[in-house]
PDB file of all heavy atoms in Angstrom:
ATOM      1  N   VAL A   1       0.799  -1.236   0.000  1.00  0.00           N
ATOM      2  CA  VAL A   1       0.000   0.000   0.000  1.00  0.00           C
ATOM      3  C   VAL A   1       0.828   1.281   0.000  1.00  0.00           C
ATOM      4  O   VAL A   1       0.266   2.369  -0.032  1.00  0.00           O
ATOM      5  CB  VAL A   1      -0.979   0.022   1.194  1.00  0.00           C
ATOM      6  CG1 VAL A   1      -1.934  -1.150   1.121  1.00  0.00           C
ATOM      7  CG2 VAL A   1      -0.254   0.040   2.525  1.00  0.00           C
ATOM      8  N   GLY A   2       2.147   1.160   0.090  1.00  0.00           N
ATOM      9  CA  GLY A   2       2.984   2.362   0.102  1.00  0.00           C
ATOM     10  C   GLY A   2       2.963   3.045   1.454  1.00  0.00           C
ATOM     11  O   GLY A   2       2.814   2.392   2.480  1.00  0.00           O
ATOM     12  N   ASP A   3       3.075   4.360   1.454  1.00  0.00           N
ATOM     13  CA  ASP A   3       3.193   5.103   2.709  1.00  0.00           C
ATOM     14  C   ASP A   3       1.841   5.507   3.297  1.00  0.00           C
ATOM     15  O   ASP A   3       1.664   6.605   3.805  1.00  0.00           O
ATOM     16  CB  ASP A   3       4.101   6.317   2.543  1.00  0.00           C
ATOM     17  CG  ASP A   3       3.576   7.319   1.540  1.00  0.00           C
ATOM     18  OD1 ASP A   3       2.555   7.022   0.886  1.00  0.00           O
ATOM     19  OD2 ASP A   3       4.175   8.388   1.415  1.00  0.00           O
ATOM     20  N   ARG A   4       0.904   4.609   3.277  1.00  0.00           N
ATOM     21  CA  ARG A   4      -0.406   4.847   3.906  1.00  0.00           C
ATOM     22  C   ARG A   4      -0.317   4.359   5.345  1.00  0.00           C
ATOM     23  O   ARG A   4      -0.774   3.290   5.706  1.00  0.00           O
ATOM     24  CB  ARG A   4      -1.496   4.142   3.113  1.00  0.00           C
ATOM     25  CG  ARG A   4      -1.605   4.756   1.701  1.00  0.00           C
ATOM     26  CD  ARG A   4      -2.588   4.058   0.848  1.00  0.00           C
ATOM     27  NE  ARG A   4      -3.937   4.188   1.410  1.00  0.00           N
ATOM     28  CZ  ARG A   4      -4.942   3.415   1.022  1.00  0.00           C
ATOM     29  NH1 ARG A   4      -4.774   2.504   0.098  1.00  0.00           N
ATOM     30  NH2 ARG A   4      -6.133   3.570   1.583  1.00  0.00           N
ATOM     31  N   TRP A   5       0.316   5.185   6.186  1.00  0.00           N
ATOM     32  CA  TRP A   5       0.688   4.799   7.544  1.00  0.00           C
ATOM     33  C   TRP A   5      -0.524   4.464   8.410  1.00  0.00           C
ATOM     34  O   TRP A   5      -0.456   3.556   9.238  1.00  0.00           O
ATOM     35  CB  TRP A   5       1.534   5.896   8.180  1.00  0.00           C
ATOM     36  CG  TRP A   5       2.698   6.270   7.335  1.00  0.00           C
ATOM     37  CD1 TRP A   5       2.951   7.485   6.778  1.00  0.00           C
ATOM     38  CD2 TRP A   5       3.786   5.421   6.913  1.00  0.00           C
ATOM     39  NE1 TRP A   5       4.118   7.443   6.040  1.00  0.00           N
ATOM     40  CE2 TRP A   5       4.644   6.188   6.108  1.00  0.00           C
ATOM     41  CE3 TRP A   5       4.090   4.077   7.122  1.00  0.00           C
ATOM     42  CZ2 TRP A   5       5.790   5.669   5.515  1.00  0.00           C
ATOM     43  CZ3 TRP A   5       5.236   3.556   6.539  1.00  0.00           C
ATOM     44  CH2 TRP A   5       6.067   4.355   5.744  1.00  0.00           C
ATOM     45  N   ALA A   6      -1.613   5.162   8.240  1.00  0.00           N
ATOM     46  CA  ALA A   6      -2.809   4.886   9.039  1.00  0.00           C
ATOM     47  C   ALA A   6      -3.358   3.498   8.728  1.00  0.00           C
ATOM     48  O   ALA A   6      -3.788   2.767   9.630  1.00  0.00           O
ATOM     49  CB  ALA A   6      -3.869   5.950   8.799  1.00  0.00           C
ATOM     50  N   LEU A   7      -3.326   3.130   7.476  1.00  0.00           N
ATOM     51  CA  LEU A   7      -3.790   1.805   7.070  1.00  0.00           C
ATOM     52  C   LEU A   7      -2.890   0.722   7.660  1.00  0.00           C
ATOM     53  O   LEU A   7      -3.373  -0.286   8.183  1.00  0.00           O
ATOM     54  CB  LEU A   7      -3.816   1.704   5.542  1.00  0.00           C
ATOM     55  CG  LEU A   7      -4.359   0.415   4.963  1.00  0.00           C
ATOM     56  CD1 LEU A   7      -5.826   0.257   5.300  1.00  0.00           C
ATOM     57  CD2 LEU A   7      -4.162   0.405   3.453  1.00  0.00           C
ATOM     58  N   ILE A   8      -1.593   0.935   7.609  1.00  0.00           N
ATOM     59  CA  ILE A   8      -0.639  -0.024   8.172  1.00  0.00           C
ATOM     60  C   ILE A   8      -0.813  -0.106   9.686  1.00  0.00           C
ATOM     61  O   ILE A   8      -0.852  -1.205  10.251  1.00  0.00           O
ATOM     62  CB  ILE A   8       0.808   0.355   7.791  1.00  0.00           C
ATOM     63  CG1 ILE A   8       0.998   0.277   6.263  1.00  0.00           C
ATOM     64  CG2 ILE A   8       1.809  -0.543   8.510  1.00  0.00           C
ATOM     65  CD1 ILE A   8       2.293   0.847   5.758  1.00  0.00           C
ATOM     66  N   ALA A   9      -0.932   1.040  10.340  1.00  0.00           N
ATOM     67  CA  ALA A   9      -1.082   1.063  11.800  1.00  0.00           C
ATOM     68  C   ALA A   9      -2.364   0.363  12.236  1.00  0.00           C
ATOM     69  O   ALA A   9      -2.414  -0.227  13.320  1.00  0.00           O
ATOM     70  CB  ALA A   9      -1.064   2.503  12.308  1.00  0.00           C
ATOM     71  N   GLY A  10      -3.384   0.397  11.415  1.00  0.00           N
ATOM     72  CA  GLY A  10      -4.630  -0.276  11.723  1.00  0.00           C
ATOM     73  C   GLY A  10      -4.493  -1.777  11.816  1.00  0.00           C
ATOM     74  O   GLY A  10      -5.316  -2.458  12.424  1.00  0.00           O
ATOM     75  N   ARG A  11      -3.441  -2.320  11.238  1.00  0.00           N
ATOM     76  CA  ARG A  11      -3.189  -3.767  11.267  1.00  0.00           C
ATOM     77  C   ARG A  11      -2.313  -4.186  12.439  1.00  0.00           C
ATOM     78  O   ARG A  11      -2.102  -5.363  12.667  1.00  0.00           O
ATOM     79  CB  ARG A  11      -2.522  -4.233   9.964  1.00  0.00           C
ATOM     80  CG  ARG A  11      -3.276  -3.906   8.711  1.00  0.00           C
ATOM     81  CD  ARG A  11      -4.557  -4.721   8.620  1.00  0.00           C
ATOM     82  NE  ARG A  11      -5.265  -4.479   7.390  1.00  0.00           N
ATOM     83  CZ  ARG A  11      -6.302  -3.674   7.270  1.00  0.00           C
ATOM     84  NH1 ARG A  11      -6.721  -2.988   8.300  1.00  0.00           N
ATOM     85  NH2 ARG A  11      -6.931  -3.527   6.126  1.00  0.00           N
ATOM     86  N   ILE A  12      -1.772  -3.202  13.160  1.00  0.00           N
ATOM     87  CA  ILE A  12      -0.878  -3.502  14.279  1.00  0.00           C
ATOM     88  C   ILE A  12      -1.492  -2.922  15.551  1.00  0.00           C
ATOM     89  O   ILE A  12      -1.489  -1.702  15.738  1.00  0.00           O
ATOM     90  CB  ILE A  12       0.530  -2.915  14.041  1.00  0.00           C
ATOM     91  CG1 ILE A  12       1.106  -3.450  12.731  1.00  0.00           C
ATOM     92  CG2 ILE A  12       1.448  -3.249  15.208  1.00  0.00           C
ATOM     93  CD1 ILE A  12       2.407  -2.827  12.324  1.00  0.00           C
ATOM     94  N   PRO A  13      -2.012  -3.772  16.423  1.00  0.00           N
ATOM     95  CA  PRO A  13      -2.661  -3.276  17.646  1.00  0.00           C
ATOM     96  C   PRO A  13      -1.713  -2.440  18.510  1.00  0.00           C
ATOM     97  O   PRO A  13      -0.554  -2.791  18.714  1.00  0.00           O
ATOM     98  CB  PRO A  13      -3.048  -4.557  18.388  1.00  0.00           C
ATOM     99  CG  PRO A  13      -3.051  -5.625  17.352  1.00  0.00           C
ATOM    100  CD  PRO A  13      -2.034  -5.225  16.325  1.00  0.00           C
ATOM    101  N   GLY A  14      -2.220  -1.313  18.973  1.00  0.00           N
ATOM    102  CA  GLY A  14      -1.462  -0.464  19.883  1.00  0.00           C
ATOM    103  C   GLY A  14      -0.466   0.475  19.232  1.00  0.00           C
ATOM    104  O   GLY A  14       0.262   1.187  19.916  1.00  0.00           O
ATOM    105  N   ARG A  15      -0.419   0.499  17.919  1.00  0.00           N
ATOM    106  CA  ARG A  15       0.517   1.399  17.216  1.00  0.00           C
ATOM    107  C   ARG A  15      -0.250   2.491  16.490  1.00  0.00           C
ATOM    108  O   ARG A  15      -1.321   2.273  15.951  1.00  0.00           O
ATOM    109  CB  ARG A  15       1.363   0.623  16.198  1.00  0.00           C
ATOM    110  CG  ARG A  15       2.253  -0.422  16.806  1.00  0.00           C
ATOM    111  CD  ARG A  15       3.367   0.203  17.584  1.00  0.00           C
ATOM    112  NE  ARG A  15       4.281  -0.834  18.076  1.00  0.00           N
ATOM    113  CZ  ARG A  15       5.373  -0.578  18.728  1.00  0.00           C
ATOM    114  NH1 ARG A  15       5.723   0.661  18.986  1.00  0.00           N
ATOM    115  NH2 ARG A  15       6.143  -1.554  19.157  1.00  0.00           N
ATOM    116  N   LYS A  16       0.334   3.689  16.475  1.00  0.00           N
ATOM    117  CA  LYS A  16      -0.260   4.835  15.790  1.00  0.00           C
ATOM    118  C   LYS A  16       0.440   5.025  14.450  1.00  0.00           C
ATOM    119  O   LYS A  16       1.590   4.618  14.267  1.00  0.00           O
ATOM    120  CB  LYS A  16      -0.097   6.103  16.625  1.00  0.00           C
ATOM    121  CG  LYS A  16      -0.801   6.047  17.946  1.00  0.00           C
ATOM    122  CD  LYS A  16      -0.540   7.314  18.728  1.00  0.00           C
ATOM    123  CE  LYS A  16      -1.143   7.230  20.109  1.00  0.00           C
ATOM    124  NZ  LYS A  16      -0.762   8.366  20.934  1.00  0.00           N
ATOM    125  N   ALA A  17      -0.244   5.702  13.547  1.00  0.00           N
ATOM    126  CA  ALA A  17       0.319   5.975  12.222  1.00  0.00           C
ATOM    127  C   ALA A  17       1.630   6.746  12.332  1.00  0.00           C
ATOM    128  O   ALA A  17       2.585   6.468  11.597  1.00  0.00           O
ATOM    129  CB  ALA A  17      -0.688   6.746  11.372  1.00  0.00           C
ATOM    130  N   GLU A  18       1.705   7.691  13.276  1.00  0.00           N
ATOM    131  CA  GLU A  18       2.918   8.494  13.443  1.00  0.00           C
ATOM    132  C   GLU A  18       4.094   7.614  13.869  1.00  0.00           C
ATOM    133  O   GLU A  18       5.226   7.822  13.428  1.00  0.00           O
ATOM    134  CB  GLU A  18       2.698   9.604  14.478  1.00  0.00           C
ATOM    135  CG  GLU A  18       1.703  10.654  14.060  1.00  0.00           C
ATOM    136  CD  GLU A  18       0.246  10.231  14.270  1.00  0.00           C
ATOM    137  OE1 GLU A  18      -0.002   9.249  15.016  1.00  0.00           O
ATOM    138  OE2 GLU A  18      -0.635  10.866  13.679  1.00  0.00           O
ATOM    139  N   GLU A  19       3.827   6.635  14.730  1.00  0.00           N
ATOM    140  CA  GLU A  19       4.888   5.726  15.173  1.00  0.00           C
ATOM    141  C   GLU A  19       5.413   4.890  14.013  1.00  0.00           C
ATOM    142  O   GLU A  19       6.615   4.705  13.871  1.00  0.00           O
ATOM    143  CB  GLU A  19       4.363   4.746  16.233  1.00  0.00           C
ATOM    144  CG  GLU A  19       4.213   5.299  17.607  1.00  0.00           C
ATOM    145  CD  GLU A  19       3.715   4.233  18.552  1.00  0.00           C
ATOM    146  OE1 GLU A  19       2.622   3.666  18.316  1.00  0.00           O
ATOM    147  OE2 GLU A  19       4.442   3.948  19.523  1.00  0.00           O
ATOM    148  N   ILE A  20       4.497   4.393  13.188  1.00  0.00           N
ATOM    149  CA  ILE A  20       4.875   3.560  12.049  1.00  0.00           C
ATOM    150  C   ILE A  20       5.705   4.367  11.064  1.00  0.00           C
ATOM    151  O   ILE A  20       6.750   3.912  10.591  1.00  0.00           O
ATOM    152  CB  ILE A  20       3.626   2.983  11.345  1.00  0.00           C
ATOM    153  CG1 ILE A  20       2.753   2.192  12.314  1.00  0.00           C
ATOM    154  CG2 ILE A  20       4.029   2.142  10.146  1.00  0.00           C
ATOM    155  CD1 ILE A  20       3.383   0.980  12.933  1.00  0.00           C
ATOM    156  N   GLU A  21       5.256   5.582  10.774  1.00  0.00           N
ATOM    157  CA  GLU A  21       5.995   6.436   9.842  1.00  0.00           C
ATOM    158  C   GLU A  21       7.383   6.770  10.387  1.00  0.00           C
ATOM    159  O   GLU A  21       8.379   6.698   9.664  1.00  0.00           O
ATOM    160  CB  GLU A  21       5.219   7.717   9.571  1.00  0.00           C
ATOM    161  CG  GLU A  21       5.924   8.617   8.568  1.00  0.00           C
ATOM    162  CD  GLU A  21       5.140   9.877   8.260  1.00  0.00           C
ATOM    163  OE1 GLU A  21       4.164  10.183   8.985  1.00  0.00           O
ATOM    164  OE2 GLU A  21       5.522  10.560   7.296  1.00  0.00           O
ATOM    165  N   ARG A  22       7.444   7.124  11.670  1.00  0.00           N
ATOM    166  CA  ARG A  22       8.734   7.458  12.281  1.00  0.00           C
ATOM    167  C   ARG A  22       9.665   6.242  12.261  1.00  0.00           C
ATOM    168  O   ARG A  22      10.845   6.350  11.954  1.00  0.00           O
ATOM    169  CB  ARG A  22       8.518   7.940  13.710  1.00  0.00           C
ATOM    170  CG  ARG A  22       9.753   8.501  14.326  1.00  0.00           C
ATOM    171  CD  ARG A  22       9.512   9.211  15.621  1.00  0.00           C
ATOM    172  NE  ARG A  22       8.251   8.898  16.268  1.00  0.00           N
ATOM    173  CZ  ARG A  22       8.060   8.935  17.569  1.00  0.00           C
ATOM    174  NH1 ARG A  22       9.021   9.270  18.370  1.00  0.00           N
ATOM    175  NH2 ARG A  22       6.894   8.653  18.092  1.00  0.00           N
ATOM    176  N   PHE A  23       9.118   5.068  12.574  1.00  0.00           N
ATOM    177  CA  PHE A  23       9.909   3.838  12.528  1.00  0.00           C
ATOM    178  C   PHE A  23      10.452   3.623  11.121  1.00  0.00           C
ATOM    179  O   PHE A  23      11.634   3.313  10.938  1.00  0.00           O
ATOM    180  CB  PHE A  23       9.051   2.639  12.943  1.00  0.00           C
ATOM    181  CG  PHE A  23       9.713   1.323  12.689  1.00  0.00           C
ATOM    182  CD1 PHE A  23      10.693   0.854  13.551  1.00  0.00           C
ATOM    183  CD2 PHE A  23       9.375   0.564  11.587  1.00  0.00           C
ATOM    184  CE1 PHE A  23      11.324  -0.352  13.310  1.00  0.00           C
ATOM    185  CE2 PHE A  23       9.994  -0.637  11.339  1.00  0.00           C
ATOM    186  CZ  PHE A  23      10.974  -1.101  12.200  1.00  0.00           C
ATOM    187  N   TRP A  24       9.608   3.793  10.111  1.00  0.00           N
ATOM    188  CA  TRP A  24      10.019   3.565   8.718  1.00  0.00           C
ATOM    189  C   TRP A  24      11.130   4.541   8.316  1.00  0.00           C
ATOM    190  O   TRP A  24      12.122   4.153   7.720  1.00  0.00           O
ATOM    191  CB  TRP A  24       8.823   3.716   7.783  1.00  0.00           C
ATOM    192  CG  TRP A  24       9.163   3.365   6.375  1.00  0.00           C
ATOM    193  CD1 TRP A  24       9.493   4.226   5.383  1.00  0.00           C
ATOM    194  CD2 TRP A  24       9.248   2.051   5.829  1.00  0.00           C
ATOM    195  NE1 TRP A  24       9.773   3.539   4.244  1.00  0.00           N
ATOM    196  CE2 TRP A  24       9.618   2.201   4.481  1.00  0.00           C
ATOM    197  CE3 TRP A  24       9.041   0.780   6.339  1.00  0.00           C
ATOM    198  CZ2 TRP A  24       9.791   1.110   3.645  1.00  0.00           C
ATOM    199  CZ3 TRP A  24       9.207  -0.305   5.500  1.00  0.00           C
ATOM    200  CH2 TRP A  24       9.584  -0.143   4.174  1.00  0.00           C
ATOM    201  N   ILE A  25      10.952   5.792   8.651  1.00  0.00           N
ATOM    202  CA  ILE A  25      11.948   6.809   8.313  1.00  0.00           C
ATOM    203  C   ILE A  25      13.276   6.484   9.003  1.00  0.00           C
ATOM    204  O   ILE A  25      14.333   6.520   8.378  1.00  0.00           O
ATOM    205  CB  ILE A  25      11.459   8.214   8.708  1.00  0.00           C
ATOM    206  CG1 ILE A  25      10.311   8.643   7.790  1.00  0.00           C
ATOM    207  CG2 ILE A  25      12.597   9.232   8.650  1.00  0.00           C
ATOM    208  CD1 ILE A  25       9.579   9.880   8.256  1.00  0.00           C
ATOM    209  N   MET A  26      13.191   6.154  10.279  1.00  0.00           N
ATOM    210  CA  MET A  26      14.423   5.892  11.030  1.00  0.00           C
ATOM    211  C   MET A  26      15.105   4.623  10.551  1.00  0.00           C
ATOM    212  O   MET A  26      16.317   4.504  10.619  1.00  0.00           O
ATOM    213  CB  MET A  26      14.116   5.802  12.523  1.00  0.00           C
ATOM    214  CG  MET A  26      13.685   7.147  13.094  1.00  0.00           C
ATOM    215  SD  MET A  26      13.270   7.072  14.816  1.00  0.00           S
ATOM    216  CE  MET A  26      14.895   7.182  15.521  1.00  0.00           C
ATOM    217  N   ARG A  27      14.340   3.682  10.061  1.00  0.00           N
ATOM    218  CA  ARG A  27      14.899   2.421   9.592  1.00  0.00           C
ATOM    219  C   ARG A  27      15.544   2.558   8.215  1.00  0.00           C
ATOM    220  O   ARG A  27      16.502   1.868   7.903  1.00  0.00           O
ATOM    221  CB  ARG A  27      13.776   1.386   9.539  1.00  0.00           C
ATOM    222  CG  ARG A  27      14.229   0.021   9.163  1.00  0.00           C
ATOM    223  CD  ARG A  27      15.187  -0.485  10.178  1.00  0.00           C
ATOM    224  NE  ARG A  27      14.708  -1.725  10.714  1.00  0.00           N
ATOM    225  CZ  ARG A  27      15.378  -2.415  11.597  1.00  0.00           C
ATOM    226  NH1 ARG A  27      16.519  -1.968  12.053  1.00  0.00           N
ATOM    227  NH2 ARG A  27      14.921  -3.540  12.044  1.00  0.00           N
ATOM    228  N   HIS A  28      15.033   3.466   7.403  1.00  0.00           N
ATOM    229  CA  HIS A  28      15.469   3.549   6.015  1.00  0.00           C
ATOM    230  C   HIS A  28      16.232   4.815   5.641  1.00  0.00           C
ATOM    231  O   HIS A  28      16.614   4.970   4.491  1.00  0.00           O
ATOM    232  CB  HIS A  28      14.261   3.371   5.094  1.00  0.00           C
ATOM    233  CG  HIS A  28      13.685   2.000   5.185  1.00  0.00           C
ATOM    234  ND1 HIS A  28      12.702   1.668   6.085  1.00  0.00           N
ATOM    235  CD2 HIS A  28      13.995   0.864   4.523  1.00  0.00           C
ATOM    236  CE1 HIS A  28      12.423   0.387   5.961  1.00  0.00           C
ATOM    237  NE2 HIS A  28      13.184  -0.117   5.028  1.00  0.00           N
ATOM    238  N   GLU A  29      16.463   5.702   6.567  1.00  0.00           N
ATOM    239  CA  GLU A  29      17.213   6.931   6.269  1.00  0.00           C
ATOM    240  C   GLU A  29      18.681   6.757   6.650  1.00  0.00           C
ATOM    241  O   GLU A  29      18.999   6.184   7.685  1.00  0.00           O
ATOM    242  CB  GLU A  29      16.628   8.124   7.040  1.00  0.00           C
ATOM    243  CG  GLU A  29      15.259   8.546   6.578  1.00  0.00           C
ATOM    244  CD  GLU A  29      15.270   9.251   5.236  1.00  0.00           C
ATOM    245  OE1 GLU A  29      16.206   9.990   4.946  1.00  0.00           O
ATOM    246  OE2 GLU A  29      14.297   9.049   4.492  1.00  0.00           O
ATOM    247  N   GLU A  30      19.557   7.287   5.839  1.00  0.00           N
ATOM    248  CA  GLU A  30      20.997   7.206   6.096  1.00  0.00           C
ATOM    249  C   GLU A  30      21.405   7.988   7.340  1.00  0.00           C
ATOM    250  O   GLU A  30      22.355   7.646   8.010  1.00  0.00           O
ATOM    251  CB  GLU A  30      21.776   7.714   4.883  1.00  0.00           C
ATOM    252  CG  GLU A  30      21.680   6.798   3.684  1.00  0.00           C
ATOM    253  CD  GLU A  30      22.262   5.419   3.963  1.00  0.00           C
ATOM    254  OE1 GLU A  30      23.318   5.318   4.606  1.00  0.00           O
ATOM    255  OE2 GLU A  30      21.640   4.433   3.535  1.00  0.00           O
ATOM    256  N   VAL A  31      20.660   9.026   7.651  1.00  0.00           N
ATOM    257  CA  VAL A  31      20.978   9.868   8.810  1.00  0.00           C
ATOM    258  C   VAL A  31      21.001   9.031  10.088  1.00  0.00           C
ATOM    259  O   VAL A  31      21.818   9.246  10.969  1.00  0.00           O
ATOM    260  CB  VAL A  31      19.934  11.002   8.951  1.00  0.00           C
ATOM    261  CG1 VAL A  31      20.161  11.795  10.220  1.00  0.00           C
ATOM    262  CG2 VAL A  31      19.958  11.902   7.738  1.00  0.00           C
ATOM    263  N   PHE A  32      20.122   8.042  10.146  1.00  0.00           N
ATOM    264  CA  PHE A  32      19.996   7.252  11.357  1.00  0.00           C
ATOM    265  C   PHE A  32      20.857   5.988  11.348  1.00  0.00           C
ATOM    266  O   PHE A  32      20.923   5.285  12.349  1.00  0.00           O
ATOM    267  CB  PHE A  32      18.533   6.865  11.581  1.00  0.00           C
ATOM    268  CG  PHE A  32      17.657   8.053  11.805  1.00  0.00           C
ATOM    269  CD1 PHE A  32      16.842   8.530  10.806  1.00  0.00           C
ATOM    270  CD2 PHE A  32      17.659   8.704  13.026  1.00  0.00           C
ATOM    271  CE1 PHE A  32      16.041   9.635  11.005  1.00  0.00           C
ATOM    272  CE2 PHE A  32      16.862   9.806  13.237  1.00  0.00           C
ATOM    273  CZ  PHE A  32      16.050  10.280  12.223  1.00  0.00           C
ATOM    274  N   ALA A  33      21.508   5.672  10.238  1.00  0.00           N
ATOM    275  CA  ALA A  33      22.287   4.442  10.129  1.00  0.00           C
ATOM    276  C   ALA A  33      23.396   4.382  11.175  1.00  0.00           C
ATOM    277  O   ALA A  33      23.585   3.359  11.837  1.00  0.00           O
ATOM    278  CB  ALA A  33      22.868   4.311   8.726  1.00  0.00           C
ATOM    279  N   SER A  34      24.118   5.463  11.356  1.00  0.00           N
ATOM    280  CA  SER A  34      25.207   5.469  12.339  1.00  0.00           C
ATOM    281  C   SER A  34      24.662   5.353  13.760  1.00  0.00           C
ATOM    282  O   SER A  34      25.243   4.674  14.609  1.00  0.00           O
ATOM    283  CB  SER A  34      26.066   6.720  12.199  1.00  0.00           C
ATOM    284  OG  SER A  34      25.297   7.869  12.444  1.00  0.00           O
ATOM    285  N   LYS A  35      23.522   5.984  14.022  1.00  0.00           N
ATOM    286  CA  LYS A  35      22.917   5.884  15.356  1.00  0.00           C
ATOM    287  C   LYS A  35      22.454   4.457  15.634  1.00  0.00           C
ATOM    288  O   LYS A  35      22.578   3.977  16.755  1.00  0.00           O
ATOM    289  CB  LYS A  35      21.747   6.852  15.492  1.00  0.00           C
ATOM    290  CG  LYS A  35      22.174   8.284  15.648  1.00  0.00           C
ATOM    291  CD  LYS A  35      21.023   9.137  16.074  1.00  0.00           C
ATOM    292  CE  LYS A  35      21.528  10.538  16.367  1.00  0.00           C
ATOM    293  NZ  LYS A  35      20.598  11.309  17.147  1.00  0.00           N
ATOM    294  N   ARG A  36      21.919   3.768  14.612  1.00  0.00           N
ATOM    295  CA  ARG A  36      21.501   2.378  14.782  1.00  0.00           C
ATOM    296  C   ARG A  36      22.688   1.493  15.110  1.00  0.00           C
ATOM    297  O   ARG A  36      22.634   0.663  16.014  1.00  0.00           O
ATOM    298  CB  ARG A  36      20.830   1.862  13.505  1.00  0.00           C
ATOM    299  CG  ARG A  36      19.349   2.038  13.463  1.00  0.00           C
ATOM    300  CD  ARG A  36      18.705   1.189  12.396  1.00  0.00           C
ATOM    301  NE  ARG A  36      19.350   1.185  11.105  1.00  0.00           N
ATOM    302  CZ  ARG A  36      19.117   2.048  10.138  1.00  0.00           C
ATOM    303  NH1 ARG A  36      18.259   3.018  10.316  1.00  0.00           N
ATOM    304  NH2 ARG A  36      19.740   1.950   8.981  1.00  0.00           N
ATOM    305  N   ARG A  37      23.794   1.684  14.381  1.00  0.00           N
ATOM    306  CA  ARG A  37      25.001   0.881  14.634  1.00  0.00           C
ATOM    307  C   ARG A  37      25.524   1.138  16.043  1.00  0.00           C
ATOM    308  O   ARG A  37      25.893   0.206  16.756  1.00  0.00           O
ATOM    309  CB  ARG A  37      26.067   1.211  13.593  1.00  0.00           C
ATOM    310  CG  ARG A  37      25.809   0.585  12.249  1.00  0.00           C
ATOM    311  CD  ARG A  37      27.016   0.749  11.342  1.00  0.00           C
ATOM    312  NE  ARG A  37      27.241   2.133  10.973  1.00  0.00           N
ATOM    313  CZ  ARG A  37      26.771   2.724   9.884  1.00  0.00           C
ATOM    314  NH1 ARG A  37      26.029   2.032   9.036  1.00  0.00           N
ATOM    315  NH2 ARG A  37      27.030   3.979   9.630  1.00  0.00           N
TER     316      ARG A  37
END
């Protein structure tokens, strides 16, 4: 479905669309790669 965060969050109990989007950005952005490591 792409970046339809509300739709994705609706499939995961207890998660909000903002959390899902933030998780996706942090997981896939280079800025956060060094922080993850």
